[in-house]
């Protein structure tokens, strides 16, 4: 395996681990429309159940990023 290919693999693994940690901590939503890693779903469910991060907010204060962007475009 060449060095550039190894670096690419390392970057991909770091990105995947980072996404998982953000979701696990309740700091990110799983965007189901573009989801490629189904292992994020149980992590989001775990964060919701534990009321971590954004899941600790009252429901009316939680705005998914895609809904927020849509609202901004209408302004």
PDB file of N, CA and C in Angstrom:
ATOM      1  N   UNK A   1       0.869  -1.175   0.000  1.00  0.00           N
ATOM      2  CA  UNK A   1       0.000   0.000   0.000  1.00  0.00           C
ATOM      3  C   UNK A   1       0.911   1.232   0.000  1.00  0.00           C
ATOM      4  N   UNK A   2       0.665   2.144  -0.925  1.00  0.00           N
ATOM      5  CA  UNK A   2       1.471   3.354  -1.020  1.00  0.00           C
ATOM      6  C   UNK A   2       1.145   4.329   0.105  1.00  0.00           C
ATOM      7  N   UNK A   3       2.076   5.231   0.327  1.00  0.00           N
ATOM      8  CA  UNK A   3       1.913   6.204   1.409  1.00  0.00           C
ATOM      9  C   UNK A   3       0.682   7.086   1.217  1.00  0.00           C
ATOM     10  N   UNK A   4       0.419   7.549  -0.012  1.00  0.00           N
ATOM     11  CA  UNK A   4      -0.741   8.409  -0.241  1.00  0.00           C
ATOM     12  C   UNK A   4      -2.050   7.650  -0.017  1.00  0.00           C
ATOM     13  N   UNK A   5      -2.051   6.394  -0.392  1.00  0.00           N
ATOM     14  CA  UNK A   5      -3.259   5.588  -0.181  1.00  0.00           C
ATOM     15  C   UNK A   5      -3.483   5.346   1.312  1.00  0.00           C
ATOM     16  N   UNK A   6      -2.393   5.109   2.027  1.00  0.00           N
ATOM     17  CA  UNK A   6      -2.473   4.913   3.474  1.00  0.00           C
ATOM     18  C   UNK A   6      -2.953   6.187   4.159  1.00  0.00           C
ATOM     19  N   UNK A   7      -2.466   7.331   3.704  1.00  0.00           N
ATOM     20  CA  UNK A   7      -2.896   8.614   4.273  1.00  0.00           C
ATOM     21  C   UNK A   7      -4.381   8.837   4.011  1.00  0.00           C
ATOM     22  N   UNK A   8      -4.847   8.474   2.813  1.00  0.00           N
ATOM     23  CA  UNK A   8      -6.275   8.606   2.492  1.00  0.00           C
ATOM     24  C   UNK A   8      -7.132   7.735   3.380  1.00  0.00           C
ATOM     25  N   UNK A   9      -6.677   6.515   3.627  1.00  0.00           N
ATOM     26  CA  UNK A   9      -7.411   5.597   4.500  1.00  0.00           C
ATOM     27  C   UNK A   9      -7.444   6.148   5.919  1.00  0.00           C
ATOM     28  N   UNK A  10      -6.313   6.666   6.376  1.00  0.00           N
ATOM     29  CA  UNK A  10      -6.241   7.251   7.713  1.00  0.00           C
ATOM     30  C   UNK A  10      -7.207   8.426   7.847  1.00  0.00           C
ATOM     31  N   UNK A  11      -7.264   9.271   6.828  1.00  0.00           N
ATOM     32  CA  UNK A  11      -8.173  10.418   6.844  1.00  0.00           C
ATOM     33  C   UNK A  11      -9.620   9.958   6.886  1.00  0.00           C
ATOM     34  N   UNK A  12      -9.952   8.964   6.080  1.00  0.00           N
ATOM     35  CA  UNK A  12     -11.331   8.447   6.052  1.00  0.00           C
ATOM     36  C   UNK A  12     -11.712   7.862   7.405  1.00  0.00           C
ATOM     37  N   UNK A  13     -10.811   7.110   8.026  1.00  0.00           N
ATOM     38  CA  UNK A  13     -11.109   6.531   9.340  1.00  0.00           C
ATOM     39  C   UNK A  13     -11.258   7.611  10.403  1.00  0.00           C
ATOM     40  N   UNK A  14     -10.401   8.627  10.361  1.00  0.00           N
ATOM     41  CA  UNK A  14     -10.493   9.724  11.321  1.00  0.00           C
ATOM     42  C   UNK A  14     -11.811  10.465  11.166  1.00  0.00           C
ATOM     43  N   UNK A  15     -12.219  10.691   9.923  1.00  0.00           N
ATOM     44  CA  UNK A  15     -13.474  11.397   9.659  1.00  0.00           C
ATOM     45  C   UNK A  15     -14.647  10.581  10.189  1.00  0.00           C
ATOM     46  N   UNK A  16     -14.643   9.268   9.907  1.00  0.00           N
ATOM     47  CA  UNK A  16     -15.734   8.405  10.359  1.00  0.00           C
ATOM     48  C   UNK A  16     -15.787   8.365  11.887  1.00  0.00           C
ATOM     49  N   UNK A  17     -14.619   8.261  12.534  1.00  0.00           N
ATOM     50  CA  UNK A  17     -14.571   8.238  13.989  1.00  0.00           C
ATOM     51  C   UNK A  17     -15.073   9.568  14.544  1.00  0.00           C
ATOM     52  N   UNK A  18     -14.659  10.671  13.903  1.00  0.00           N
ATOM     53  CA  UNK A  18     -15.101  11.991  14.346  1.00  0.00           C
ATOM     54  C   UNK A  18     -16.596  12.159  14.241  1.00  0.00           C
ATOM     55  N   UNK A  19     -17.184  11.693  13.142  1.00  0.00           N
ATOM     56  CA  UNK A  19     -18.638  11.773  12.980  1.00  0.00           C
ATOM     57  C   UNK A  19     -19.328  10.978  14.074  1.00  0.00           C
ATOM     58  N   UNK A  20     -18.837   9.789  14.316  1.00  0.00           N
ATOM     59  CA  UNK A  20     -19.452   8.932  15.339  1.00  0.00           C
ATOM     60  C   UNK A  20     -19.391   9.602  16.711  1.00  0.00           C
ATOM     61  N   UNK A  21     -18.260  10.206  17.037  1.00  0.00           N
ATOM     62  CA  UNK A  21     -18.126  10.854  18.344  1.00  0.00           C
ATOM     63  C   UNK A  21     -19.041  12.065  18.473  1.00  0.00           C
ATOM     64  N   UNK A  22     -19.208  12.819  17.388  1.00  0.00           N
ATOM     65  CA  UNK A  22     -20.130  13.965  17.418  1.00  0.00           C
ATOM     66  C   UNK A  22     -21.555  13.496  17.659  1.00  0.00           C
ATOM     67  N   UNK A  23     -21.967  12.451  16.967  1.00  0.00           N
ATOM     68  CA  UNK A  23     -23.330  11.921  17.124  1.00  0.00           C
ATOM     69  C   UNK A  23     -23.496  11.326  18.517  1.00  0.00           C
ATOM     70  N   UNK A  24     -22.512  10.558  18.964  1.00  0.00           N
ATOM     71  CA  UNK A  24     -22.577   9.920  20.291  1.00  0.00           C
ATOM     72  C   UNK A  24     -22.710  10.966  21.400  1.00  0.00           C
ATOM     73  N   UNK A  25     -22.045  12.093  21.239  1.00  0.00           N
ATOM     74  CA  UNK A  25     -22.098  13.150  22.249  1.00  0.00           C
ATOM     75  C   UNK A  25     -23.324  14.040  22.146  1.00  0.00           C
ATOM     76  N   UNK A  26     -24.152  13.800  21.125  1.00  0.00           N
ATOM     77  CA  UNK A  26     -25.345  14.621  20.951  1.00  0.00           C
ATOM     78  C   UNK A  26     -25.036  15.967  20.324  1.00  0.00           C
ATOM     79  N   UNK A  27     -23.907  16.060  19.620  1.00  0.00           N
ATOM     80  CA  UNK A  27     -23.484  17.323  19.009  1.00  0.00           C
ATOM     81  C   UNK A  27     -23.788  17.382  17.521  1.00  0.00           C
ATOM     82  N   UNK A  28     -24.370  16.320  16.984  1.00  0.00           N
ATOM     83  CA  UNK A  28     -24.681  16.280  15.550  1.00  0.00           C
ATOM     84  C   UNK A  28     -25.897  15.392  15.320  1.00  0.00           C
ATOM     85  N   UNK A  29     -26.633  15.738  14.272  1.00  0.00           N
ATOM     86  CA  UNK A  29     -27.772  14.936  13.838  1.00  0.00           C
ATOM     87  C   UNK A  29     -27.280  13.945  12.792  1.00  0.00           C
ATOM     88  N   UNK A  30     -27.962  12.812  12.663  1.00  0.00           N
ATOM     89  CA  UNK A  30     -27.703  11.907  11.552  1.00  0.00           C
ATOM     90  C   UNK A  30     -28.635  12.351  10.430  1.00  0.00           C
ATOM     91  N   UNK A  31     -28.047  12.781   9.327  1.00  0.00           N
ATOM     92  CA  UNK A  31     -28.816  13.259   8.177  1.00  0.00           C
ATOM     93  C   UNK A  31     -29.163  12.042   7.336  1.00  0.00           C
ATOM     94  N   UNK A  32     -30.349  11.515   7.530  1.00  0.00           N
ATOM     95  CA  UNK A  32     -30.735  10.248   6.924  1.00  0.00           C
ATOM     96  C   UNK A  32     -30.747  10.265   5.403  1.00  0.00           C
ATOM     97  N   UNK A  33     -31.027  11.398   4.803  1.00  0.00           N
ATOM     98  CA  UNK A  33     -31.095  11.476   3.341  1.00  0.00           C
ATOM     99  C   UNK A  33     -29.761  11.113   2.696  1.00  0.00           C
ATOM    100  N   UNK A  34     -28.658  11.495   3.313  1.00  0.00           N
ATOM    101  CA  UNK A  34     -27.335  11.244   2.747  1.00  0.00           C
ATOM    102  C   UNK A  34     -26.514  10.258   3.569  1.00  0.00           C
ATOM    103  N   UNK A  35     -27.137   9.568   4.497  1.00  0.00           N
ATOM    104  CA  UNK A  35     -26.450   8.655   5.402  1.00  0.00           C
ATOM    105  C   UNK A  35     -25.836   7.478   4.638  1.00  0.00           C
ATOM    106  N   UNK A  36     -24.568   7.234   4.904  1.00  0.00           N
ATOM    107  CA  UNK A  36     -23.894   6.068   4.325  1.00  0.00           C
ATOM    108  C   UNK A  36     -23.460   5.101   5.413  1.00  0.00           C
ATOM    109  N   UNK A  37     -23.498   5.534   6.662  1.00  0.00           N
ATOM    110  CA  UNK A  37     -23.044   4.714   7.779  1.00  0.00           C
ATOM    111  C   UNK A  37     -24.192   4.509   8.753  1.00  0.00           C
ATOM    112  N   UNK A  38     -24.850   3.366   8.631  1.00  0.00           N
ATOM    113  CA  UNK A  38     -26.018   3.079   9.466  1.00  0.00           C
ATOM    114  C   UNK A  38     -25.657   2.886  10.947  1.00  0.00           C
ATOM    115  N   UNK A  39     -24.371   2.708  11.239  1.00  0.00           N
ATOM    116  CA  UNK A  39     -23.959   2.520  12.634  1.00  0.00           C
ATOM    117  C   UNK A  39     -24.144   3.802  13.450  1.00  0.00           C
ATOM    118  N   UNK A  40     -24.391   4.924  12.779  1.00  0.00           N
ATOM    119  CA  UNK A  40     -24.624   6.182  13.489  1.00  0.00           C
ATOM    120  C   UNK A  40     -26.017   6.239  14.122  1.00  0.00           C
ATOM    121  N   UNK A  41     -26.955   5.485  13.578  1.00  0.00           N
ATOM    122  CA  UNK A  41     -28.333   5.540  14.090  1.00  0.00           C
ATOM    123  C   UNK A  41     -28.444   5.121  15.560  1.00  0.00           C
ATOM    124  N   UNK A  42     -27.846   3.984  15.960  1.00  0.00           N
ATOM    125  CA  UNK A  42     -27.935   3.640  17.385  1.00  0.00           C
ATOM    126  C   UNK A  42     -27.198   4.640  18.281  1.00  0.00           C
ATOM    127  N   UNK A  43     -26.153   5.261  17.754  1.00  0.00           N
ATOM    128  CA  UNK A  43     -25.436   6.272  18.540  1.00  0.00           C
ATOM    129  C   UNK A  43     -26.326   7.485  18.777  1.00  0.00           C
ATOM    130  N   UNK A  44     -27.098   7.875  17.741  1.00  0.00           N
ATOM    131  CA  UNK A  44     -28.022   8.990  17.912  1.00  0.00           C
ATOM    132  C   UNK A  44     -29.123   8.614  18.905  1.00  0.00           C
ATOM    133  N   UNK A  45     -29.639   7.398  18.792  1.00  0.00           N
ATOM    134  CA  UNK A  45     -30.686   6.946  19.717  1.00  0.00           C
ATOM    135  C   UNK A  45     -30.171   6.935  21.157  1.00  0.00           C
ATOM    136  N   UNK A  46     -28.922   6.520  21.332  1.00  0.00           N
ATOM    137  CA  UNK A  46     -28.304   6.495  22.663  1.00  0.00           C
ATOM    138  C   UNK A  46     -28.175   7.919  23.221  1.00  0.00           C
ATOM    139  N   UNK A  47     -27.741   8.848  22.381  1.00  0.00           N
ATOM    140  CA  UNK A  47     -27.597  10.246  22.813  1.00  0.00           C
ATOM    141  C   UNK A  47     -28.959  10.838  23.161  1.00  0.00           C
ATOM    142  N   UNK A  48     -29.976  10.522  22.357  1.00  0.00           N
ATOM    143  CA  UNK A  48     -31.339  11.008  22.646  1.00  0.00           C
ATOM    144  C   UNK A  48     -31.814  10.491  23.997  1.00  0.00           C
ATOM    145  N   UNK A  49     -31.652   9.175  24.196  1.00  0.00           N
ATOM    146  CA  UNK A  49     -32.132   8.554  25.437  1.00  0.00           C
ATOM    147  C   UNK A  49     -31.423   9.133  26.662  1.00  0.00           C
ATOM    148  N   UNK A  50     -30.135   9.441  26.512  1.00  0.00           N
ATOM    149  CA  UNK A  50     -29.358   9.984  27.625  1.00  0.00           C
ATOM    150  C   UNK A  50     -29.483  11.505  27.720  1.00  0.00           C
ATOM    151  N   UNK A  51     -30.203  12.112  26.768  1.00  0.00           N
ATOM    152  CA  UNK A  51     -30.409  13.567  26.710  1.00  0.00           C
ATOM    153  C   UNK A  51     -29.074  14.318  26.721  1.00  0.00           C
ATOM    154  N   UNK A  52     -28.159  13.850  25.839  1.00  0.00           N
ATOM    155  CA  UNK A  52     -26.853  14.489  25.720  1.00  0.00           C
ATOM    156  C   UNK A  52     -26.889  15.553  24.631  1.00  0.00           C
ATOM    157  N   UNK A  53     -26.111  16.598  24.833  1.00  0.00           N
ATOM    158  CA  UNK A  53     -25.939  17.623  23.809  1.00  0.00           C
ATOM    159  C   UNK A  53     -27.256  18.264  23.406  1.00  0.00           C
ATOM    160  N   UNK A  54     -27.497  18.316  22.104  1.00  0.00           N
ATOM    161  CA  UNK A  54     -28.711  18.976  21.596  1.00  0.00           C
ATOM    162  C   UNK A  54     -29.979  18.286  22.071  1.00  0.00           C
ATOM    163  N   UNK A  55     -29.873  17.033  22.435  1.00  0.00           N
ATOM    164  CA  UNK A  55     -31.062  16.306  22.902  1.00  0.00           C
ATOM    165  C   UNK A  55     -31.457  16.714  24.313  1.00  0.00           C
ATOM    166  N   UNK A  56     -30.626  17.511  24.986  1.00  0.00           N
ATOM    167  CA  UNK A  56     -30.999  18.007  26.310  1.00  0.00           C
ATOM    168  C   UNK A  56     -31.864  19.254  26.205  1.00  0.00           C
ATOM    169  N   UNK A  57     -31.934  19.837  25.018  1.00  0.00           N
ATOM    170  CA  UNK A  57     -32.760  21.028  24.800  1.00  0.00           C
ATOM    171  C   UNK A  57     -34.231  20.652  24.712  1.00  0.00           C
ATOM    172  N   UNK A  58     -35.120  21.580  25.063  1.00  0.00           N
ATOM    173  CA  UNK A  58     -36.542  21.324  24.824  1.00  0.00           C
ATOM    174  C   UNK A  58     -36.758  21.106  23.319  1.00  0.00           C
ATOM    175  N   UNK A  59     -37.679  20.264  22.962  1.00  0.00           N
ATOM    176  CA  UNK A  59     -37.889  19.905  21.559  1.00  0.00           C
ATOM    177  C   UNK A  59     -38.110  21.120  20.660  1.00  0.00           C
ATOM    178  N   UNK A  60     -38.804  22.117  21.141  1.00  0.00           N
ATOM    179  CA  UNK A  60     -39.087  23.298  20.319  1.00  0.00           C
ATOM    180  C   UNK A  60     -37.815  24.083  19.989  1.00  0.00           C
ATOM    181  N   UNK A  61     -36.758  23.884  20.773  1.00  0.00           N
ATOM    182  CA  UNK A  61     -35.498  24.589  20.535  1.00  0.00           C
ATOM    183  C   UNK A  61     -34.539  23.811  19.633  1.00  0.00           C
ATOM    184  N   UNK A  62     -34.866  22.569  19.335  1.00  0.00           N
ATOM    185  CA  UNK A  62     -34.017  21.746  18.460  1.00  0.00           C
ATOM    186  C   UNK A  62     -34.412  21.984  17.005  1.00  0.00           C
ATOM    187  N   UNK A  63     -33.491  22.509  16.248  1.00  0.00           N
ATOM    188  CA  UNK A  63     -33.768  22.749  14.828  1.00  0.00           C
ATOM    189  C   UNK A  63     -32.728  21.993  14.018  1.00  0.00           C
ATOM    190  N   UNK A  64     -33.154  20.987  13.258  1.00  0.00           N
ATOM    191  CA  UNK A  64     -32.182  20.249  12.437  1.00  0.00           C
ATOM    192  C   UNK A  64     -31.500  21.199  11.455  1.00  0.00           C
ATOM    193  N   UNK A  65     -30.230  20.975  11.153  1.00  0.00           N
ATOM    194  CA  UNK A  65     -29.499  21.878  10.261  1.00  0.00           C
ATOM    195  C   UNK A  65     -30.196  22.099   8.917  1.00  0.00           C
ATOM    196  N   UNK A  66     -30.789  21.045   8.357  1.00  0.00           N
ATOM    197  CA  UNK A  66     -31.447  21.184   7.058  1.00  0.00           C
ATOM    198  C   UNK A  66     -32.675  22.084   7.154  1.00  0.00           C
ATOM    199  N   UNK A  67     -33.388  22.049   8.286  1.00  0.00           N
ATOM    200  CA  UNK A  67     -34.547  22.922   8.476  1.00  0.00           C
ATOM    201  C   UNK A  67     -34.087  24.366   8.698  1.00  0.00           C
ATOM    202  N   UNK A  68     -32.989  24.544   9.444  1.00  0.00           N
ATOM    203  CA  UNK A  68     -32.451  25.880   9.682  1.00  0.00           C
ATOM    204  C   UNK A  68     -32.015  26.526   8.375  1.00  0.00           C
ATOM    205  N   UNK A  69     -31.316  25.775   7.519  1.00  0.00           N
ATOM    206  CA  UNK A  69     -30.876  26.315   6.226  1.00  0.00           C
ATOM    207  C   UNK A  69     -32.066  26.704   5.353  1.00  0.00           C
ATOM    208  N   UNK A  70     -33.108  25.885   5.358  1.00  0.00           N
ATOM    209  CA  UNK A  70     -34.318  26.192   4.579  1.00  0.00           C
ATOM    210  C   UNK A  70     -34.944  27.486   5.069  1.00  0.00           C
ATOM    211  N   UNK A  71     -34.996  27.667   6.399  1.00  0.00           N
ATOM    212  CA  UNK A  71     -35.545  28.902   6.971  1.00  0.00           C
ATOM    213  C   UNK A  71     -34.712  30.111   6.547  1.00  0.00           C
ATOM    214  N   UNK A  72     -33.399  29.958   6.528  1.00  0.00           N
ATOM    215  CA  UNK A  72     -32.511  31.070   6.159  1.00  0.00           C
ATOM    216  C   UNK A  72     -32.686  31.466   4.691  1.00  0.00           C
ATOM    217  N   UNK A  73     -32.915  30.493   3.831  1.00  0.00           N
ATOM    218  CA  UNK A  73     -33.115  30.783   2.410  1.00  0.00           C
ATOM    219  C   UNK A  73     -34.386  31.587   2.164  1.00  0.00           C
ATOM    220  N   UNK A  74     -35.390  31.400   3.004  1.00  0.00           N
ATOM    221  CA  UNK A  74     -36.677  32.095   2.838  1.00  0.00           C
ATOM    222  C   UNK A  74     -36.605  33.550   3.267  1.00  0.00           C
ATOM    223  N   UNK A  75     -35.579  33.912   4.008  1.00  0.00           N
ATOM    224  CA  UNK A  75     -35.457  35.289   4.517  1.00  0.00           C
ATOM    225  C   UNK A  75     -34.997  36.232   3.456  1.00  0.00           C
TER     226      UNK A  75
END
